[in-house]
Amino acid sequence: MKVCYNKLWKLLIDKEMKKSQLRVAIGASKSTFAKLGKNENVTLPILLDICEYLQCDFGDIMEAVPEQKEQ
């Protein structure tokens, strides 16, 4: 399984918020948001900060998706 943050990007669009605005608001680094953009793992405190700021739950910003197997 891997993580996918497409729900976060959709939520930001719905709230008319830019990624950089969220990054500054929660005090996250550019490299952390680069990881989010690449669907890489980030620390739990970052995810908690995002959820607290956006007033949502983990399921609203991310999902676990099966990794596609090479054939």
PDB file of N, CA and C in Angstrom:
ATOM      1  N   MET A   1       0.832  -1.182   0.000  1.00  0.00           N
ATOM      2  CA  MET A   1       0.000   0.000   0.000  1.00  0.00           C
ATOM      3  C   MET A   1       0.879   1.249   0.000  1.00  0.00           C
ATOM      4  N   LYS A   2       0.362   2.267  -0.640  1.00  0.00           N
ATOM      5  CA  LYS A   2       1.035   3.562  -0.592  1.00  0.00           C
ATOM      6  C   LYS A   2      -0.006   4.631  -0.303  1.00  0.00           C
ATOM      7  N   VAL A   3       0.479   5.804   0.019  1.00  0.00           N
ATOM      8  CA  VAL A   3      -0.407   6.892   0.401  1.00  0.00           C
ATOM      9  C   VAL A   3      -0.635   7.823  -0.790  1.00  0.00           C
ATOM     10  N   CYS A   4      -1.827   8.394  -0.862  1.00  0.00           N
ATOM     11  CA  CYS A   4      -2.168   9.332  -1.930  1.00  0.00           C
ATOM     12  C   CYS A   4      -2.835  10.558  -1.296  1.00  0.00           C
ATOM     13  N   TYR A   5      -2.345  11.735  -1.641  1.00  0.00           N
ATOM     14  CA  TYR A   5      -2.854  12.982  -1.051  1.00  0.00           C
ATOM     15  C   TYR A   5      -3.759  13.763  -1.999  1.00  0.00           C
ATOM     16  N   ASN A   6      -4.315  13.116  -3.013  1.00  0.00           N
ATOM     17  CA  ASN A   6      -5.177  13.816  -3.967  1.00  0.00           C
ATOM     18  C   ASN A   6      -6.373  14.481  -3.281  1.00  0.00           C
ATOM     19  N   LYS A   7      -6.865  13.866  -2.211  1.00  0.00           N
ATOM     20  CA  LYS A   7      -7.990  14.457  -1.480  1.00  0.00           C
ATOM     21  C   LYS A   7      -7.602  15.805  -0.868  1.00  0.00           C
ATOM     22  N   LEU A   8      -6.351  15.920  -0.419  1.00  0.00           N
ATOM     23  CA  LEU A   8      -5.880  17.188   0.137  1.00  0.00           C
ATOM     24  C   LEU A   8      -5.894  18.267  -0.926  1.00  0.00           C
ATOM     25  N   TRP A   9      -5.380  17.960  -2.120  1.00  0.00           N
ATOM     26  CA  TRP A   9      -5.308  18.969  -3.185  1.00  0.00           C
ATOM     27  C   TRP A   9      -6.713  19.381  -3.616  1.00  0.00           C
ATOM     28  N   LYS A  10      -7.650  18.422  -3.653  1.00  0.00           N
ATOM     29  CA  LYS A  10      -9.046  18.735  -4.006  1.00  0.00           C
ATOM     30  C   LYS A  10      -9.670  19.644  -2.938  1.00  0.00           C
ATOM     31  N   LEU A  11      -9.373  19.336  -1.678  1.00  0.00           N
ATOM     32  CA  LEU A  11      -9.905  20.147  -0.578  1.00  0.00           C
ATOM     33  C   LEU A  11      -9.378  21.578  -0.655  1.00  0.00           C
ATOM     34  N   LEU A  12      -8.111  21.734  -0.984  1.00  0.00           N
ATOM     35  CA  LEU A  12      -7.541  23.079  -1.126  1.00  0.00           C
ATOM     36  C   LEU A  12      -8.207  23.843  -2.262  1.00  0.00           C
ATOM     37  N   ILE A  13      -8.477  23.153  -3.360  1.00  0.00           N
ATOM     38  CA  ILE A  13      -9.174  23.790  -4.482  1.00  0.00           C
ATOM     39  C   ILE A  13     -10.564  24.248  -4.033  1.00  0.00           C
ATOM     40  N   ASP A  14     -11.267  23.379  -3.321  1.00  0.00           N
ATOM     41  CA  ASP A  14     -12.608  23.720  -2.839  1.00  0.00           C
ATOM     42  C   ASP A  14     -12.589  24.924  -1.901  1.00  0.00           C
ATOM     43  N   LYS A  15     -11.517  25.049  -1.121  1.00  0.00           N
ATOM     44  CA  LYS A  15     -11.390  26.166  -0.178  1.00  0.00           C
ATOM     45  C   LYS A  15     -10.692  27.380  -0.801  1.00  0.00           C
ATOM     46  N   GLU A  16     -10.388  27.267  -2.106  1.00  0.00           N
ATOM     47  CA  GLU A  16      -9.689  28.326  -2.839  1.00  0.00           C
ATOM     48  C   GLU A  16      -8.408  28.745  -2.117  1.00  0.00           C
ATOM     49  N   MET A  17      -7.636  27.736  -1.735  1.00  0.00           N
ATOM     50  CA  MET A  17      -6.391  27.958  -1.014  1.00  0.00           C
ATOM     51  C   MET A  17      -5.233  27.358  -1.807  1.00  0.00           C
ATOM     52  N   LYS A  18      -4.114  28.053  -1.829  1.00  0.00           N
ATOM     53  CA  LYS A  18      -2.923  27.549  -2.505  1.00  0.00           C
ATOM     54  C   LYS A  18      -2.114  26.679  -1.551  1.00  0.00           C
ATOM     55  N   LYS A  19      -1.358  25.756  -2.133  1.00  0.00           N
ATOM     56  CA  LYS A  19      -0.495  24.892  -1.328  1.00  0.00           C
ATOM     57  C   LYS A  19       0.450  25.726  -0.469  1.00  0.00           C
ATOM     58  N   SER A  20       0.986  26.780  -1.048  1.00  0.00           N
ATOM     59  CA  SER A  20       1.945  27.612  -0.308  1.00  0.00           C
ATOM     60  C   SER A  20       1.283  28.300   0.883  1.00  0.00           C
ATOM     61  N   GLN A  21       0.017  28.654   0.759  1.00  0.00           N
ATOM     62  CA  GLN A  21      -0.695  29.272   1.874  1.00  0.00           C
ATOM     63  C   GLN A  21      -0.831  28.288   3.037  1.00  0.00           C
ATOM     64  N   LEU A  22      -1.176  27.058   2.718  1.00  0.00           N
ATOM     65  CA  LEU A  22      -1.297  26.029   3.754  1.00  0.00           C
ATOM     66  C   LEU A  22       0.066  25.756   4.383  1.00  0.00           C
ATOM     67  N   ARG A  23       1.087  25.659   3.559  1.00  0.00           N
ATOM     68  CA  ARG A  23       2.437  25.375   4.052  1.00  0.00           C
ATOM     69  C   ARG A  23       2.877  26.429   5.062  1.00  0.00           C
ATOM     70  N   VAL A  24       2.678  27.692   4.727  1.00  0.00           N
ATOM     71  CA  VAL A  24       3.062  28.779   5.623  1.00  0.00           C
ATOM     72  C   VAL A  24       2.196  28.758   6.888  1.00  0.00           C
ATOM     73  N   ALA A  25       0.913  28.508   6.733  1.00  0.00           N
ATOM     74  CA  ALA A  25      -0.016  28.530   7.866  1.00  0.00           C
ATOM     75  C   ALA A  25       0.335  27.482   8.922  1.00  0.00           C
ATOM     76  N   ILE A  26       0.828  26.317   8.482  1.00  0.00           N
ATOM     77  CA  ILE A  26       1.153  25.262   9.455  1.00  0.00           C
ATOM     78  C   ILE A  26       2.639  25.225   9.781  1.00  0.00           C
ATOM     79  N   GLY A  27       3.424  26.062   9.110  1.00  0.00           N
ATOM     80  CA  GLY A  27       4.855  26.128   9.407  1.00  0.00           C
ATOM     81  C   GLY A  27       5.647  24.948   8.894  1.00  0.00           C
ATOM     82  N   ALA A  28       5.218  24.368   7.791  1.00  0.00           N
ATOM     83  CA  ALA A  28       5.910  23.212   7.206  1.00  0.00           C
ATOM     84  C   ALA A  28       6.969  23.676   6.210  1.00  0.00           C
ATOM     85  N   SER A  29       7.945  22.838   5.978  1.00  0.00           N
ATOM     86  CA  SER A  29       9.020  23.164   5.042  1.00  0.00           C
ATOM     87  C   SER A  29       8.589  22.888   3.603  1.00  0.00           C
ATOM     88  N   LYS A  30       9.322  23.481   2.681  1.00  0.00           N
ATOM     89  CA  LYS A  30       9.058  23.238   1.260  1.00  0.00           C
ATOM     90  C   LYS A  30       9.308  21.773   0.916  1.00  0.00           C
ATOM     91  N   SER A  31      10.310  21.172   1.549  1.00  0.00           N
ATOM     92  CA  SER A  31      10.619  19.764   1.255  1.00  0.00           C
ATOM     93  C   SER A  31       9.488  18.842   1.717  1.00  0.00           C
ATOM     94  N   THR A  32       8.837  19.197   2.813  1.00  0.00           N
ATOM     95  CA  THR A  32       7.694  18.397   3.280  1.00  0.00           C
ATOM     96  C   THR A  32       6.567  18.453   2.264  1.00  0.00           C
ATOM     97  N   PHE A  33       6.306  19.636   1.719  1.00  0.00           N
ATOM     98  CA  PHE A  33       5.243  19.745   0.721  1.00  0.00           C
ATOM     99  C   PHE A  33       5.645  19.109  -0.602  1.00  0.00           C
ATOM    100  N   ALA A  34       6.932  19.051  -0.873  1.00  0.00           N
ATOM    101  CA  ALA A  34       7.394  18.320  -2.057  1.00  0.00           C
ATOM    102  C   ALA A  34       7.089  16.838  -1.885  1.00  0.00           C
ATOM    103  N   LYS A  35       7.280  16.317  -0.676  1.00  0.00           N
ATOM    104  CA  LYS A  35       6.949  14.911  -0.406  1.00  0.00           C
ATOM    105  C   LYS A  35       5.453  14.663  -0.578  1.00  0.00           C
ATOM    106  N   LEU A  36       4.640  15.592  -0.070  1.00  0.00           N
ATOM    107  CA  LEU A  36       3.193  15.452  -0.247  1.00  0.00           C
ATOM    108  C   LEU A  36       2.835  15.421  -1.732  1.00  0.00           C
ATOM    109  N   GLY A  37       3.484  16.280  -2.509  1.00  0.00           N
ATOM    110  CA  GLY A  37       3.212  16.346  -3.944  1.00  0.00           C
ATOM    111  C   GLY A  37       3.612  15.083  -4.685  1.00  0.00           C
ATOM    112  N   LYS A  38       4.572  14.341  -4.124  1.00  0.00           N
ATOM    113  CA  LYS A  38       5.029  13.088  -4.735  1.00  0.00           C
ATOM    114  C   LYS A  38       4.370  11.869  -4.101  1.00  0.00           C
ATOM    115  N   ASN A  39       3.369  12.101  -3.251  1.00  0.00           N
ATOM    116  CA  ASN A  39       2.681  11.027  -2.536  1.00  0.00           C
ATOM    117  C   ASN A  39       3.647  10.172  -1.721  1.00  0.00           C
ATOM    118  N   GLU A  40       4.594  10.840  -1.062  1.00  0.00           N
ATOM    119  CA  GLU A  40       5.532  10.152  -0.188  1.00  0.00           C
ATOM    120  C   GLU A  40       5.069  10.312   1.261  1.00  0.00           C
ATOM    121  N   ASN A  41       5.604   9.479   2.140  1.00  0.00           N
ATOM    122  CA  ASN A  41       5.229   9.540   3.549  1.00  0.00           C
ATOM    123  C   ASN A  41       5.756  10.815   4.201  1.00  0.00           C
ATOM    124  N   VAL A  42       4.928  11.408   5.041  1.00  0.00           N
ATOM    125  CA  VAL A  42       5.328  12.543   5.875  1.00  0.00           C
ATOM    126  C   VAL A  42       4.992  12.186   7.318  1.00  0.00           C
ATOM    127  N   THR A  43       5.510  12.966   8.247  1.00  0.00           N
ATOM    128  CA  THR A  43       5.323  12.629   9.654  1.00  0.00           C
ATOM    129  C   THR A  43       3.883  12.876  10.113  1.00  0.00           C
ATOM    130  N   LEU A  44       3.513  12.138  11.138  1.00  0.00           N
ATOM    131  CA  LEU A  44       2.178  12.268  11.704  1.00  0.00           C
ATOM    132  C   LEU A  44       1.903  13.685  12.224  1.00  0.00           C
ATOM    133  N   PRO A  45       2.868  14.347  12.893  1.00  0.00           N
ATOM    134  CA  PRO A  45       2.590  15.721  13.337  1.00  0.00           C
ATOM    135  C   PRO A  45       2.233  16.676  12.191  1.00  0.00           C
ATOM    136  N   ILE A  46       2.829  16.497  11.026  1.00  0.00           N
ATOM    137  CA  ILE A  46       2.486  17.333   9.860  1.00  0.00           C
ATOM    138  C   ILE A  46       1.041  17.068   9.452  1.00  0.00           C
ATOM    139  N   LEU A  47       0.671  15.796   9.387  1.00  0.00           N
ATOM    140  CA  LEU A  47      -0.701  15.453   9.009  1.00  0.00           C
ATOM    141  C   LEU A  47      -1.694  15.999  10.034  1.00  0.00           C
ATOM    142  N   LEU A  48      -1.339  15.923  11.309  1.00  0.00           N
ATOM    143  CA  LEU A  48      -2.207  16.475  12.358  1.00  0.00           C
ATOM    144  C   LEU A  48      -2.345  17.988  12.214  1.00  0.00           C
ATOM    145  N   ASP A  49      -1.237  18.666  11.913  1.00  0.00           N
ATOM    146  CA  ASP A  49      -1.287  20.123  11.718  1.00  0.00           C
ATOM    147  C   ASP A  49      -2.196  20.494  10.553  1.00  0.00           C
ATOM    148  N   ILE A  50      -2.094  19.741   9.457  1.00  0.00           N
ATOM    149  CA  ILE A  50      -2.944  19.993   8.285  1.00  0.00           C
ATOM    150  C   ILE A  50      -4.412  19.803   8.660  1.00  0.00           C
ATOM    151  N   CYS A  51      -4.713  18.683   9.324  1.00  0.00           N
ATOM    152  CA  CYS A  51      -6.097  18.400   9.703  1.00  0.00           C
ATOM    153  C   CYS A  51      -6.642  19.444  10.676  1.00  0.00           C
ATOM    154  N   GLU A  52      -5.816  19.856  11.620  1.00  0.00           N
ATOM    155  CA  GLU A  52      -6.268  20.863  12.580  1.00  0.00           C
ATOM    156  C   GLU A  52      -6.545  22.183  11.873  1.00  0.00           C
ATOM    157  N   TYR A  53      -5.658  22.585  10.982  1.00  0.00           N
ATOM    158  CA  TYR A  53      -5.833  23.857  10.279  1.00  0.00           C
ATOM    159  C   TYR A  53      -7.067  23.832   9.380  1.00  0.00           C
ATOM    160  N   LEU A  54      -7.250  22.717   8.658  1.00  0.00           N
ATOM    161  CA  LEU A  54      -8.374  22.618   7.723  1.00  0.00           C
ATOM    162  C   LEU A  54      -9.653  22.122   8.398  1.00  0.00           C
ATOM    163  N   GLN A  55      -9.567  21.807   9.677  1.00  0.00           N
ATOM    164  CA  GLN A  55     -10.696  21.292  10.448  1.00  0.00           C
ATOM    165  C   GLN A  55     -11.323  20.076   9.766  1.00  0.00           C
ATOM    166  N   CYS A  56     -10.470  19.060   9.584  1.00  0.00           N
ATOM    167  CA  CYS A  56     -10.908  17.840   8.925  1.00  0.00           C
ATOM    168  C   CYS A  56     -10.233  16.643   9.578  1.00  0.00           C
ATOM    169  N   ASP A  57     -10.462  15.461   9.035  1.00  0.00           N
ATOM    170  CA  ASP A  57      -9.881  14.221   9.538  1.00  0.00           C
ATOM    171  C   ASP A  57      -8.908  13.669   8.497  1.00  0.00           C
ATOM    172  N   PHE A  58      -8.100  12.686   8.912  1.00  0.00           N
ATOM    173  CA  PHE A  58      -7.111  12.105   7.999  1.00  0.00           C
ATOM    174  C   PHE A  58      -7.745  11.623   6.692  1.00  0.00           C
ATOM    175  N   GLY A  59      -8.894  10.985   6.798  1.00  0.00           N
ATOM    176  CA  GLY A  59      -9.571  10.454   5.612  1.00  0.00           C
ATOM    177  C   GLY A  59     -10.010  11.521   4.633  1.00  0.00           C
ATOM    178  N   ASP A  60     -10.059  12.767   5.081  1.00  0.00           N
ATOM    179  CA  ASP A  60     -10.442  13.873   4.205  1.00  0.00           C
ATOM    180  C   ASP A  60      -9.279  14.388   3.370  1.00  0.00           C
ATOM    181  N   ILE A  61      -8.035  14.030   3.754  1.00  0.00           N
ATOM    182  CA  ILE A  61      -6.868  14.568   3.045  1.00  0.00           C
ATOM    183  C   ILE A  61      -5.993  13.498   2.404  1.00  0.00           C
ATOM    184  N   MET A  62      -6.231  12.241   2.753  1.00  0.00           N
ATOM    185  CA  MET A  62      -5.366  11.187   2.217  1.00  0.00           C
ATOM    186  C   MET A  62      -6.105   9.860   2.157  1.00  0.00           C
ATOM    187  N   GLU A  63      -5.529   8.931   1.402  1.00  0.00           N
ATOM    188  CA  GLU A  63      -6.064   7.581   1.351  1.00  0.00           C
ATOM    189  C   GLU A  63      -4.936   6.608   1.060  1.00  0.00           C
ATOM    190  N   ALA A  64      -5.122   5.377   1.470  1.00  0.00           N
ATOM    191  CA  ALA A  64      -4.167   4.317   1.168  1.00  0.00           C
ATOM    192  C   ALA A  64      -4.628   3.618  -0.103  1.00  0.00           C
ATOM    193  N   VAL A  65      -3.739   3.484  -1.044  1.00  0.00           N
ATOM    194  CA  VAL A  65      -4.075   2.841  -2.317  1.00  0.00           C
ATOM    195  C   VAL A  65      -3.109   1.681  -2.563  1.00  0.00           C
ATOM    196  N   PRO A  66      -3.594   0.601  -3.159  1.00  0.00           N
ATOM    197  CA  PRO A  66      -2.696  -0.514  -3.436  1.00  0.00           C
ATOM    198  C   PRO A  66      -1.644  -0.125  -4.466  1.00  0.00           C
ATOM    199  N   GLU A  67      -0.456  -0.641  -4.284  1.00  0.00           N
ATOM    200  CA  GLU A  67       0.597  -0.402  -5.273  1.00  0.00           C
ATOM    201  C   GLU A  67       0.355  -1.309  -6.468  1.00  0.00           C
ATOM    202  N   GLN A  68       0.545  -0.758  -7.657  1.00  0.00           N
ATOM    203  CA  GLN A  68       0.364  -1.562  -8.861  1.00  0.00           C
ATOM    204  C   GLN A  68       1.594  -2.441  -9.055  1.00  0.00           C
ATOM    205  N   LYS A  69       1.336  -3.716  -9.299  1.00  0.00           N
ATOM    206  CA  LYS A  69       2.434  -4.653  -9.504  1.00  0.00           C
ATOM    207  C   LYS A  69       2.850  -4.634 -10.960  1.00  0.00           C
ATOM    208  N   GLU A  70       4.157  -4.689 -11.173  1.00  0.00           N
ATOM    209  CA  GLU A  70       4.658  -4.735 -12.553  1.00  0.00           C
ATOM    210  C   GLU A  70       4.404  -6.109 -13.128  1.00  0.00           C
ATOM    211  N   GLN A  71       4.015  -6.124 -14.395  1.00  0.00           N
ATOM    212  CA  GLN A  71       3.712  -7.419 -15.040  1.00  0.00           C
ATOM    213  C   GLN A  71       4.774  -7.788 -16.026  1.00  0.00           C
TER     214      GLN A  71
END
